[in-house]
Protein backbone atom coordinates (compact mmCIF):
# COMPACT_ATOMS: atom_id res chain seq x y z
CA MET A 1 0.00 0.00 0.00
CA ARG A 2 2.85 2.35 0.87
CA ASN A 3 4.48 1.66 -2.51
CA LEU A 4 1.18 2.33 -4.26
CA LYS A 5 0.82 5.72 -2.55
CA LEU A 6 4.41 6.56 -3.42
CA LEU A 7 3.72 5.65 -7.05
CA GLN A 8 0.61 7.87 -7.04
CA VAL A 9 2.58 10.81 -5.61
CA CYS A 10 5.32 10.38 -8.24
CA PHE A 11 2.72 10.19 -11.03
CA CYS A 12 0.98 13.36 -9.82
CA PHE A 13 4.32 15.16 -9.57
CA SER A 14 5.19 14.14 -13.14
CA ILE A 15 1.84 15.41 -14.43
CA LEU A 16 2.30 18.68 -12.51
CA SER A 17 5.79 19.15 -13.97
CA LEU A 18 4.44 18.53 -17.47
CA LEU A 19 1.67 21.08 -16.96
CA ILE A 20 4.16 23.64 -15.69
CA ASN A 21 6.37 23.14 -18.75
CA VAL A 22 3.39 23.40 -21.11
CA THR A 23 2.28 26.61 -19.39
CA LYS A 24 5.73 28.09 -19.74
CA ALA A 25 5.95 27.10 -23.38
CA GLN A 26 2.66 28.86 -24.03
CA ASN A 27 4.26 32.13 -22.93
CA PHE A 28 5.80 32.25 -26.42
CA HIS A 29 3.91 32.59 -29.68
CA SER A 30 4.80 33.44 -33.25
CA ILE A 31 3.25 36.71 -34.42
CA ALA A 32 4.75 36.94 -37.92
CA LYS A 33 6.67 35.02 -40.58
CA ILE A 34 10.06 36.41 -41.66
CA ASN A 35 10.97 35.61 -45.26
CA ASN A 36 14.68 36.36 -45.10
CA TYR A 37 17.55 36.55 -42.64
CA SER A 38 16.89 38.90 -39.70
CA PRO A 39 20.13 40.26 -38.17
CA SER A 40 18.33 42.62 -35.78
CA ILE A 41 14.96 43.24 -34.13
CA LYS A 42 14.00 46.14 -31.86
CA PHE A 43 11.02 47.06 -29.67
CA SER A 44 9.79 50.65 -29.70
CA HIS A 45 10.28 52.35 -26.33
CA ASN A 46 6.57 52.03 -25.47
CA GLY A 47 6.62 48.34 -26.39
CA LYS A 48 3.72 48.63 -28.83
CA LEU A 49 5.78 48.10 -31.99
CA ILE A 50 8.59 45.79 -32.97
CA ALA A 51 10.83 46.46 -35.96
CA CYS A 52 12.34 43.51 -37.78
CA CYS A 53 15.21 43.69 -40.27
CA ASN A 54 14.25 41.46 -43.20
CA MET A 55 17.59 41.25 -44.98
CA ALA A 56 17.61 39.61 -48.42
CA ALA A 57 20.57 37.66 -49.78
CA ASN A 58 22.79 38.71 -52.68
CA ASP A 59 21.27 41.59 -54.68
CA ALA A 60 17.64 40.90 -53.74
CA VAL A 61 15.60 43.65 -52.09
CA GLY A 62 14.75 43.30 -48.41
CA SER A 63 12.70 45.45 -46.04
CA LEU A 64 12.35 46.87 -42.56
CA ASP A 65 9.01 45.55 -41.31
CA ILE A 66 7.31 47.15 -38.30
CA TYR A 67 4.68 45.04 -36.52
CA ASP A 68 2.11 45.52 -33.79
CA SER A 69 3.77 43.56 -30.97
CA GLU A 70 0.40 42.30 -29.66
CA THR A 71 -1.40 41.24 -32.83
CA GLY A 72 1.47 40.76 -35.26
CA LYS A 73 -0.28 43.04 -37.77
CA LEU A 74 2.16 44.60 -40.24
CA ALA A 75 2.00 48.34 -39.50
CA SER A 76 4.69 49.66 -41.84
CA THR A 77 7.29 48.56 -44.40
CA ILE A 78 10.37 50.41 -45.59
CA VAL A 79 12.07 48.93 -48.66
CA CYS A 80 15.79 48.51 -48.00
CA ASN A 81 18.27 45.80 -47.04
CA PRO A 82 18.63 46.60 -43.32
CA MET A 83 21.19 45.33 -40.83
CA PHE A 84 20.14 47.25 -37.71
CA VAL A 85 17.40 49.61 -36.50
CA SER A 86 16.89 52.03 -33.59
CA PHE A 87 13.84 53.99 -32.40
CA SER A 88 13.95 57.61 -31.25
CA PRO A 89 12.85 58.28 -27.62
CA LYS A 90 9.37 59.33 -28.80
CA ASP A 91 9.10 56.36 -31.20
CA ASP A 92 8.38 58.74 -34.08
CA ILE A 93 11.68 58.19 -35.94
CA VAL A 94 13.60 55.07 -36.89
CA MET A 95 17.29 54.96 -37.77
CA VAL A 96 17.88 52.23 -40.36
CA LYS A 97 21.03 50.75 -41.86
CA MET A 98 19.85 50.74 -45.50
CA ASP A 99 22.64 48.76 -47.16
CA GLN A 100 26.41 48.32 -46.93
CA LYS A 101 27.13 52.01 -47.56
CA SER A 102 24.26 54.09 -46.23
CA PHE A 103 21.90 54.68 -43.34
CA ALA A 104 18.79 56.83 -43.11
CA PHE A 105 16.28 58.35 -40.72
CA PHE A 106 12.54 57.91 -41.34
CA ASP A 107 9.63 59.78 -39.80
CA ILE A 108 7.06 57.10 -38.84
CA THR A 109 4.49 59.39 -37.22
CA ASP A 110 2.19 58.07 -39.95
CA LEU A 111 3.13 54.40 -40.01
CA GLU A 112 1.36 53.80 -43.31
CA ARG A 113 3.45 56.50 -45.02
CA PRO A 114 6.99 56.60 -43.57
CA LYS A 115 8.95 59.61 -44.83
CA GLN A 116 12.71 59.63 -45.30
CA MET A 117 14.23 62.61 -43.50
CA PHE A 118 17.88 62.36 -44.51
CA SER A 119 20.56 59.78 -45.28
CA THR A 120 24.34 59.62 -45.12
CA LYS A 121 26.89 57.39 -46.79
CA LEU A 122 29.75 55.64 -45.01
CA ASP A 123 31.53 52.57 -46.35
CA ASN A 124 31.21 49.16 -44.70
CA ILE A 125 28.74 50.02 -41.89
CA ILE A 126 28.23 47.00 -39.62
CA SER A 127 26.90 48.46 -36.34
CA GLY A 128 24.92 51.45 -35.08
CA ASP A 129 23.10 52.97 -32.12
CA MET A 130 21.03 56.01 -31.12
CA SER A 131 21.42 57.69 -27.73
CA MET A 132 18.59 57.36 -25.20
CA ASP A 133 17.83 61.09 -25.49
CA GLY A 134 17.87 60.97 -29.30
CA LYS A 135 20.55 63.68 -29.62
CA TYR A 136 23.31 61.53 -31.13
CA TYR A 137 23.82 58.46 -33.26
CA ALA A 138 26.88 56.28 -33.63
CA LEU A 139 28.13 54.05 -36.45
CA GLY A 140 30.84 51.40 -36.60
CA THR A 141 32.49 50.03 -39.73
CA ASN A 142 34.16 46.84 -40.87
CA ASP A 143 37.45 48.68 -41.38
CA GLY A 144 37.72 49.91 -37.80
CA ALA A 145 36.06 53.32 -37.79
CA ALA A 146 33.64 54.60 -35.15
CA VAL A 147 31.85 57.92 -35.53
CA VAL A 148 29.34 59.89 -33.44
CA LEU A 149 27.14 62.52 -35.10
CA SER A 150 24.44 64.96 -34.02
CA THR A 151 20.94 63.95 -35.13
CA GLN A 152 20.00 67.64 -35.44
CA THR A 153 22.92 69.05 -37.43
CA GLY A 154 24.81 66.02 -38.72
CA LYS A 155 27.97 67.46 -37.11
CA VAL A 156 30.70 64.92 -36.34
CA MET A 157 31.14 64.87 -32.54
CA LEU A 158 33.76 62.12 -32.47
CA ALA A 159 35.51 60.05 -35.11
CA THR A 160 38.09 57.36 -34.51
CA TYR A 161 40.89 56.31 -36.84
CA PRO A 162 40.69 55.61 -39.74
CA PHE A 163 37.55 57.72 -40.27
CA PRO A 164 38.71 60.58 -42.55
CA ASN A 165 37.09 63.60 -40.87
CA GLY A 166 36.67 65.03 -37.39
CA THR A 167 38.76 64.32 -34.29
CA TYR A 168 41.27 61.48 -34.70
CA THR A 169 42.18 59.01 -31.98
CA SER A 170 43.76 55.58 -32.04
CA CYS A 171 40.81 54.46 -29.89
CA CYS A 172 40.86 50.78 -28.99
CA TYR A 173 42.83 49.62 -31.97
CA GLY A 174 46.36 50.47 -30.83
CA SER A 175 48.97 49.24 -33.29
CA CYS A 176 46.49 46.96 -35.09
CA LYS A 177 45.87 47.78 -38.74
CA TYR A 178 42.14 47.72 -38.05
CA CYS A 179 39.60 45.86 -35.97
CA PRO A 180 35.96 45.66 -37.17
CA VAL A 181 33.59 47.57 -34.88
CA TYR A 182 31.24 44.68 -34.24
CA SER A 183 29.28 46.44 -31.50
CA ILE A 184 28.84 50.13 -30.68
CA LYS A 185 26.77 51.77 -27.94
CA LEU A 186 26.12 55.35 -26.85
CA LEU A 187 26.22 55.49 -23.05
CA SER A 188 25.05 58.18 -20.65
CA GLU A 189 27.16 61.28 -19.95
CA ASN A 190 28.37 61.53 -23.57
CA ARG A 191 30.38 58.33 -23.54
CA LEU A 192 30.89 55.90 -26.41
CA LEU A 193 31.44 52.17 -26.05
CA VAL A 194 33.27 50.53 -28.96
CA ALA A 195 33.81 46.79 -29.28
CA GLY A 196 36.14 45.42 -31.92
CA ALA A 197 35.62 41.87 -33.16
CA GLY A 198 38.27 39.36 -34.15
CA MET A 199 40.58 36.96 -32.38
CA SER A 200 42.13 39.82 -30.41
CA GLY A 201 39.11 42.04 -30.00
CA LYS A 202 38.93 44.97 -27.61
CA VAL A 203 36.27 46.94 -25.78
CA SER A 204 36.88 50.63 -25.10
CA ILE A 205 34.89 53.44 -23.52
CA LEU A 206 35.68 56.96 -24.78
CA ASN A 207 34.38 60.43 -24.06
CA PHE A 208 33.47 62.80 -26.89
CA ASN A 209 36.91 64.40 -26.67
CA GLY A 210 38.35 61.12 -27.92
CA GLU A 211 39.95 60.27 -24.56
CA VAL A 212 39.95 56.54 -23.77
CA ILE A 213 38.44 56.04 -20.31
CA TYR A 214 38.81 52.28 -20.22
CA THR A 215 40.02 49.45 -22.44
CA THR A 216 39.91 45.69 -21.98
CA TRP A 217 40.94 42.72 -24.10
CA ALA A 218 38.86 39.65 -24.93
CA ALA A 219 41.47 37.06 -25.76
CA THR A 220 39.23 34.72 -27.75
CA GLY A 221 37.36 37.37 -29.69
CA ILE A 222 34.25 39.42 -29.03
CA THR A 223 30.88 38.45 -30.50
CA ALA A 224 28.59 41.06 -28.94
CA CYS A 225 28.08 43.50 -26.06
CA SER A 226 25.02 44.40 -24.02
CA VAL A 227 24.46 47.42 -21.77
CA ASP A 228 21.47 48.25 -19.57
CA ASP A 229 19.57 51.48 -20.32
CA SER A 230 21.07 53.36 -17.37
CA SER A 231 24.63 52.51 -18.56
CA LYS A 232 25.59 50.95 -15.22
CA HIS A 233 26.48 47.44 -16.37
CA LEU A 234 28.15 45.88 -19.39
CA VAL A 235 28.39 42.23 -20.43
CA VAL A 236 30.94 41.32 -23.12
CA ASN A 237 30.20 38.09 -24.98
CA SER A 238 33.20 36.21 -26.33
CA GLY A 239 34.02 32.77 -27.67
CA THR A 240 34.52 30.92 -24.38
CA ASN A 241 32.91 33.05 -21.69
CA SER A 242 31.27 36.38 -20.97
CA THR A 243 32.63 39.05 -18.64
CA ILE A 244 30.49 41.46 -16.61
CA TYR A 245 31.66 44.98 -15.80
CA SER A 246 30.37 47.82 -13.69
CA ILE A 247 30.70 50.98 -15.82
CA SER A 248 28.79 53.59 -13.79
CA GLY A 249 32.05 55.04 -12.46
CA TYR A 250 35.51 53.80 -13.36
CA PRO A 251 34.91 50.46 -15.09
CA ASN A 252 35.45 47.45 -12.85
CA ARG A 253 35.26 43.77 -13.72
CA ILE A 254 32.67 42.01 -11.59
CA SER A 255 32.50 38.38 -12.69
CA LYS A 256 32.48 35.88 -15.53
CA ILE A 257 29.85 33.53 -16.92
CA GLY A 258 31.43 30.60 -18.72
CA ASN A 259 30.49 27.82 -21.13
CA ARG A 260 29.10 28.79 -24.53
CA VAL A 261 27.60 32.21 -23.91
CA TYR A 262 27.13 34.08 -27.17
CA THR A 263 23.80 35.83 -26.66
CA LEU A 264 23.70 37.18 -23.12
CA LYS A 265 21.63 40.34 -22.88
CA TYR A 266 20.92 42.81 -20.07
CA SER A 267 17.32 43.73 -19.33
CA PRO A 268 16.72 47.50 -19.72
CA SER A 269 16.59 48.01 -15.93
CA GLY A 270 19.88 46.15 -15.50
CA ASN A 271 18.38 43.84 -12.87
CA ASN A 272 18.67 40.68 -14.97
CA ILE A 273 20.77 39.06 -17.67
CA LEU A 274 19.17 36.57 -20.05
CA ASP A 275 20.92 33.62 -21.68
CA PHE A 276 19.06 31.82 -24.50
CA ARG A 277 20.36 28.24 -24.47
CA ASP A 278 19.02 24.95 -25.90
CA GLU A 279 15.28 24.87 -25.00
CA LYS A 280 15.42 27.21 -22.06
CA ILE A 281 16.12 30.78 -21.04
CA ILE A 282 18.50 31.11 -18.08
CA VAL A 283 18.08 34.12 -15.80
CA TYR A 284 21.01 35.76 -13.97
CA ASP A 285 21.09 38.73 -11.64
CA SER A 286 22.94 41.91 -12.62
CA GLU A 287 26.27 40.49 -11.46
CA GLY A 288 26.00 37.11 -13.16
CA LYS A 289 24.61 34.94 -10.36
CA LYS A 290 22.32 32.24 -11.77
CA MET A 291 18.79 32.70 -10.43
CA GLY A 292 16.59 30.30 -12.39
CA LYS A 293 15.39 29.19 -15.81
CA ILE A 294 12.21 28.97 -17.83
CA SER A 295 11.24 26.33 -20.36
CA ALA A 296 10.93 27.34 -24.00
CA LYS A 297 9.94 23.97 -25.41
CA GLY A 298 9.72 23.91 -29.15
CA TYR A 299 12.46 26.53 -29.53
CA THR A 300 16.02 25.19 -29.63
CA PHE A 301 18.28 28.23 -29.44
CA PRO A 302 21.54 28.16 -31.42
CA SER A 303 24.90 27.88 -29.72
CA THR A 304 26.31 30.61 -31.98
CA ASP A 305 25.87 34.36 -32.25
CA GLY A 306 23.32 34.06 -35.04
CA MET A 307 20.20 34.85 -33.02
CA SER A 308 18.32 38.15 -32.88
CA PHE A 309 16.34 39.09 -29.76
CA ASP A 310 15.24 42.10 -27.73
CA ILE A 311 13.48 43.06 -24.48
CA SER A 312 10.91 45.85 -24.33
CA THR A 313 11.86 48.94 -22.33
CA ASN A 314 8.96 48.37 -19.91
CA GLU A 315 10.20 44.77 -19.46
CA LYS A 316 6.83 43.23 -20.25
CA LYS A 317 7.82 41.43 -23.46
CA VAL A 318 10.74 39.59 -24.98
CA ALA A 319 11.03 38.82 -28.68
CA PHE A 320 13.33 36.68 -30.82
CA VAL A 321 13.55 35.30 -34.34
CA TYR A 322 13.43 31.51 -34.58
CA GLU A 323 13.45 29.64 -37.90
CA HIS A 324 11.92 32.59 -39.81
CA ASN A 325 9.31 33.20 -37.09
CA LEU A 326 9.06 36.41 -35.07
CA VAL A 327 8.25 35.10 -31.59
CA VAL A 328 7.00 37.22 -28.67
CA GLY A 329 6.96 36.05 -25.05
CA ASP A 330 5.98 37.20 -21.56
CA PHE A 331 9.02 38.73 -19.88
CA GLU A 332 7.24 38.83 -16.51
CA ALA A 333 7.19 35.02 -16.54
CA ILE A 334 10.90 34.96 -17.32
CA LYS A 335 11.68 37.34 -14.46
CA ALA A 336 9.53 35.22 -12.13
CA ALA A 337 11.79 32.25 -12.89
CA GLY A 338 14.64 34.22 -11.40
CA LYS A 339 12.97 34.90 -8.05
């Protein structure tokens, strides 16, 4: 009889675990189909829209597609071959990498009729960012240049070698011929974070006078960087592990997270770090302490840096691209896994 009761308890526990996993899996649902490769997706600041770079191969024409994040309804399309996108603070302007040599700003006040405001050419653009206040934008290139410009006047505020105009500085590249600027981020207090990819990549923080505030090496090469919206924390993803830094004052290394971490990302508040791995999302605190995990059954995340995902500023939603599907999930459920 005792064995029978034990068997009943084990059976009930198994059923309960299955139900919990099914419930967690239902937190994610596909809202749109993506025809081409999507190197970047981005929530608007109010979380109502999500922009998806639909990048076509070879000489085919792609598009920037903007969706309603709740219904998946296509709200706007801009014909281009985009690599990255950023929203202005009021969500009325998008900054779009159009192709390999140009970027543009579009007024999306009327989503059905986006209007191009201006565009600028710069060879080999591979990364970009807009400041939280919308005053500046930054671009990084494959040949090692990083430049910051005013969104109002187009004036060059900072340009690193080998960019041909503005203030020159050797930046994070030292004696290297060049190091592709794989990741670039405008921080608070007029600071620029530049991450160079490659087997001997570097991460540097500069002020707008071109003075290097901090530089660190990533011996096995940098794949991506993530910073919280208040510019207090930085996580640098590299080939074998990821390193967490405090950057609110003088940068200070806090800890490391090891074992195949290519797509760690800070939540906007900086309270959590997410790691998409296999069929689960692992939740860390701001300093890299593992707090919990949530099932994402049906979605097997890649072990490389080929995945696009974002978290809404209000931290209610998380989105990622999986096998040509734009998937949106409940971020509150993910945060709950870390409590």
